[in-house]
Every structure is written in structure tokens, then in C-alpha cells.
C-alpha atoms as a PDB file:
ATOM      1  CA  MET A   1      14.231   6.232  31.701  1.00  0.00           C
ATOM      2  CA  VAL A   2      11.761   3.343  31.729  1.00  0.00           C
ATOM      3  CA  GLN A   3       9.128   5.447  30.004  1.00  0.00           C
ATOM      4  CA  LYS A   4      11.613   6.387  27.249  1.00  0.00           C
ATOM      5  CA  ALA A   5      12.516   2.713  26.702  1.00  0.00           C
ATOM      6  CA  PHE A   6       8.841   1.802  26.581  1.00  0.00           C
ATOM      7  CA  CYS A   7       8.182   4.538  24.014  1.00  0.00           C
ATOM      8  CA  LEU A   8      11.050   3.372  21.812  1.00  0.00           C
ATOM      9  CA  THR A   9       9.974  -0.253  22.111  1.00  0.00           C
ATOM     10  CA  TYR A  10       6.356   0.696  21.274  1.00  0.00           C
ATOM     11  CA  ARG A  11       7.402   2.627  18.185  1.00  0.00           C
ATOM     12  CA  ALA A  12       9.632  -0.168  16.935  1.00  0.00           C
ATOM     13  CA  GLY A  13       6.911  -2.720  17.584  1.00  0.00           C
ATOM     14  CA  ARG A  14       4.282  -0.625  15.821  1.00  0.00           C
ATOM     15  CA  ARG A  15       6.538  -0.096  12.839  1.00  0.00           C
ATOM     16  CA  LEU A  16       7.322  -3.806  12.680  1.00  0.00           C
ATOM     17  CA  ALA A  17       3.619  -4.743  12.903  1.00  0.00           C
ATOM     18  CA  ILE A  18       2.674  -2.292  10.147  1.00  0.00           C
ATOM     19  CA  ALA A  19       5.502  -3.539   7.962  1.00  0.00           C
ATOM     20  CA  ALA A  20       4.484  -7.163   8.468  1.00  0.00           C
ATOM     21  CA  ALA A  21       0.765  -6.566   7.825  1.00  0.00           C
ATOM     22  CA  GLY A  22       1.278  -4.235   4.850  1.00  0.00           C
ATOM     23  CA  GLY A  23       4.019  -6.380   3.360  1.00  0.00           C
ATOM     24  CA  THR A  24       1.857  -9.485   3.632  1.00  0.00           C
ATOM     25  CA  VAL A  25      -1.132  -7.804   1.910  1.00  0.00           C
ATOM     26  CA  LEU A  26       1.124  -6.260  -0.749  1.00  0.00           C
ATOM     27  CA  LEU A  27       2.848  -9.610  -1.517  1.00  0.00           C
ATOM     28  CA  ALA A  28      -0.477 -11.353  -1.658  1.00  0.00           C
ATOM     29  CA  GLY A  29      -1.648  -8.717  -4.132  1.00  0.00           C
ATOM     30  CA  VAL A  30       1.417  -9.149  -6.259  1.00  0.00           C
ATOM     31  CA  ALA A  31       0.852 -12.932  -6.227  1.00  0.00           C
ATOM     32  CA  MET A  32      -2.777 -12.327  -7.286  1.00  0.00           C
ATOM     33  CA  ILE A  33      -1.534 -10.873 -10.517  1.00  0.00           C
ATOM     34  CA  VAL A  34      -0.992 -14.417 -11.740  1.00  0.00           C
ATOM     35  CA  LEU A  35      -3.221 -16.214  -9.295  1.00  0.00           C
ATOM     36  CA  PRO A  36      -6.990 -15.768  -8.989  1.00  0.00           C
ATOM     37  CA  GLY A  37      -7.862 -12.923  -6.696  1.00  0.00           C
ATOM     38  CA  PRO A  38      -8.462  -9.205  -6.567  1.00  0.00           C
ATOM     39  CA  ALA A  39      -4.938  -7.855  -7.133  1.00  0.00           C
ATOM     40  CA  VAL A  40      -6.365  -4.482  -8.066  1.00  0.00           C
ATOM     41  CA  VAL A  41      -7.746  -4.173  -4.570  1.00  0.00           C
ATOM     42  CA  ALA A  42      -4.961  -5.888  -2.564  1.00  0.00           C
ATOM     43  CA  ILE A  43      -1.982  -3.998  -3.949  1.00  0.00           C
ATOM     44  CA  PRO A  44      -3.335  -0.518  -3.096  1.00  0.00           C
ATOM     45  CA  ALA A  45      -4.547  -1.813   0.232  1.00  0.00           C
ATOM     46  CA  GLY A  46      -1.058  -3.140   1.099  1.00  0.00           C
ATOM     47  CA  LEU A  47       0.518   0.129   0.018  1.00  0.00           C
ATOM     48  CA  GLY A  48      -2.106   2.026   2.097  1.00  0.00           C
ATOM     49  CA  ILE A  49      -1.183   0.052   5.192  1.00  0.00           C
ATOM     50  CA  LEU A  50       2.565   0.620   4.610  1.00  0.00           C
ATOM     51  CA  ALA A  51       1.967   4.328   3.886  1.00  0.00           C
ATOM     52  CA  VAL A  52       0.835   4.790   7.496  1.00  0.00           C
ATOM     53  CA  GLU A  53       4.523   4.376   8.536  1.00  0.00           C
ATOM     54  CA  PHE A  54       6.724   4.600   5.404  1.00  0.00           C
ATOM     55  CA  GLU A  55       7.060   7.600   3.093  1.00  0.00           C
ATOM     56  CA  TRP A  56       8.216   5.492   0.080  1.00  0.00           C
ATOM     57  CA  ALA A  57       4.903   3.571   0.257  1.00  0.00           C
ATOM     58  CA  GLU A  58       2.970   6.825   0.297  1.00  0.00           C
ATOM     59  CA  ARG A  59       4.839   8.044  -2.801  1.00  0.00           C
ATOM     60  CA  TRP A  60       4.135   4.727  -4.591  1.00  0.00           C
ATOM     61  CA  LEU A  61       0.489   4.920  -3.602  1.00  0.00           C
ATOM     62  CA  ASP A  62       0.254   8.505  -4.913  1.00  0.00           C
ATOM     63  CA  GLU A  63       1.880   7.454  -8.201  1.00  0.00           C
ATOM     64  CA  LEU A  64      -0.444   4.455  -8.556  1.00  0.00           C
ATOM     65  CA  SER A  65      -3.445   6.659  -7.867  1.00  0.00           C
ATOM     66  CA  GLU A  66      -2.343   9.229 -10.448  1.00  0.00           C
ATOM     67  CA  ARG A  67      -1.699   6.580 -13.090  1.00  0.00           C
ATOM     68  CA  SER A  68      -5.092   4.979 -12.373  1.00  0.00           C
ATOM     69  CA  ARG A  69      -6.825   8.304 -12.799  1.00  0.00           C
ATOM     70  CA  LEU A  70      -5.055   8.938 -16.099  1.00  0.00           C
ATOM     71  CA  ALA A  71      -5.866   5.441 -17.379  1.00  0.00           C
ATOM     72  CA  LEU A  72      -9.499   5.838 -16.402  1.00  0.00           C
ATOM     73  CA  ALA A  73      -9.718   9.217 -18.119  1.00  0.00           C
ATOM     74  CA  ARG A  74      -8.159   7.776 -21.300  1.00  0.00           C
ATOM     75  CA  TRP A  75     -10.552   4.829 -21.168  1.00  0.00           C
ATOM     76  CA  ARG A  76     -13.548   7.108 -20.739  1.00  0.00           C
ATOM     77  CA  HIS A  77     -12.439   9.337 -23.564  1.00  0.00           C
ATOM     78  CA  GLY A  78     -11.953   6.320 -25.854  1.00  0.00           C
ATOM     79  CA  ALA A  79     -15.295   4.838 -24.842  1.00  0.00           C
ATOM     80  CA  ASN A  80     -17.166   8.042 -25.701  1.00  0.00           C
ATOM     81  CA  SER A  81     -15.644   8.382 -29.154  1.00  0.00           C
END
């Protein structure tokens, strides 16, 4: 019984720590859109931290990655013309 309670507490604490760390980095990245700083690095980093524990963050990160790939391909195609 004690081991089960420890396991549940550990999981909840881990989830809370990941949410706090990832949320902080993500919010800092969003703030860096208007403030000086590397928002392009911080936002995916925050989503990557959150994706360790949350599926919605993983979906957002996948979507961001795909859109970035498409934008880069369009930019390269336009630069070579």
C-alpha cells in the first residue's frame, strides 16, 4: 500500500515538475516574440519538455516541425529561382 502511494505521488510530482518547467520555458518563448530573445529556440524547447508528459504538446511540436520544414523548403525554392 505504501509503495503504491509512493508511486502515485512520484508520478504526480514528476508530471507537475515537467508541466512547470515546460510551461515556464514555453511562456518565456512566447514573451520573446515581442521581447528580445531567441523565441524560435525557446518555444520548441518548451514544447519538447512538455511533450515528455503531454500528448497535446507532442502534437503541437509535430505540427510546428512540419510547418517549419515546409517554410524552409519554400524559402529554399524561392532563393534558388
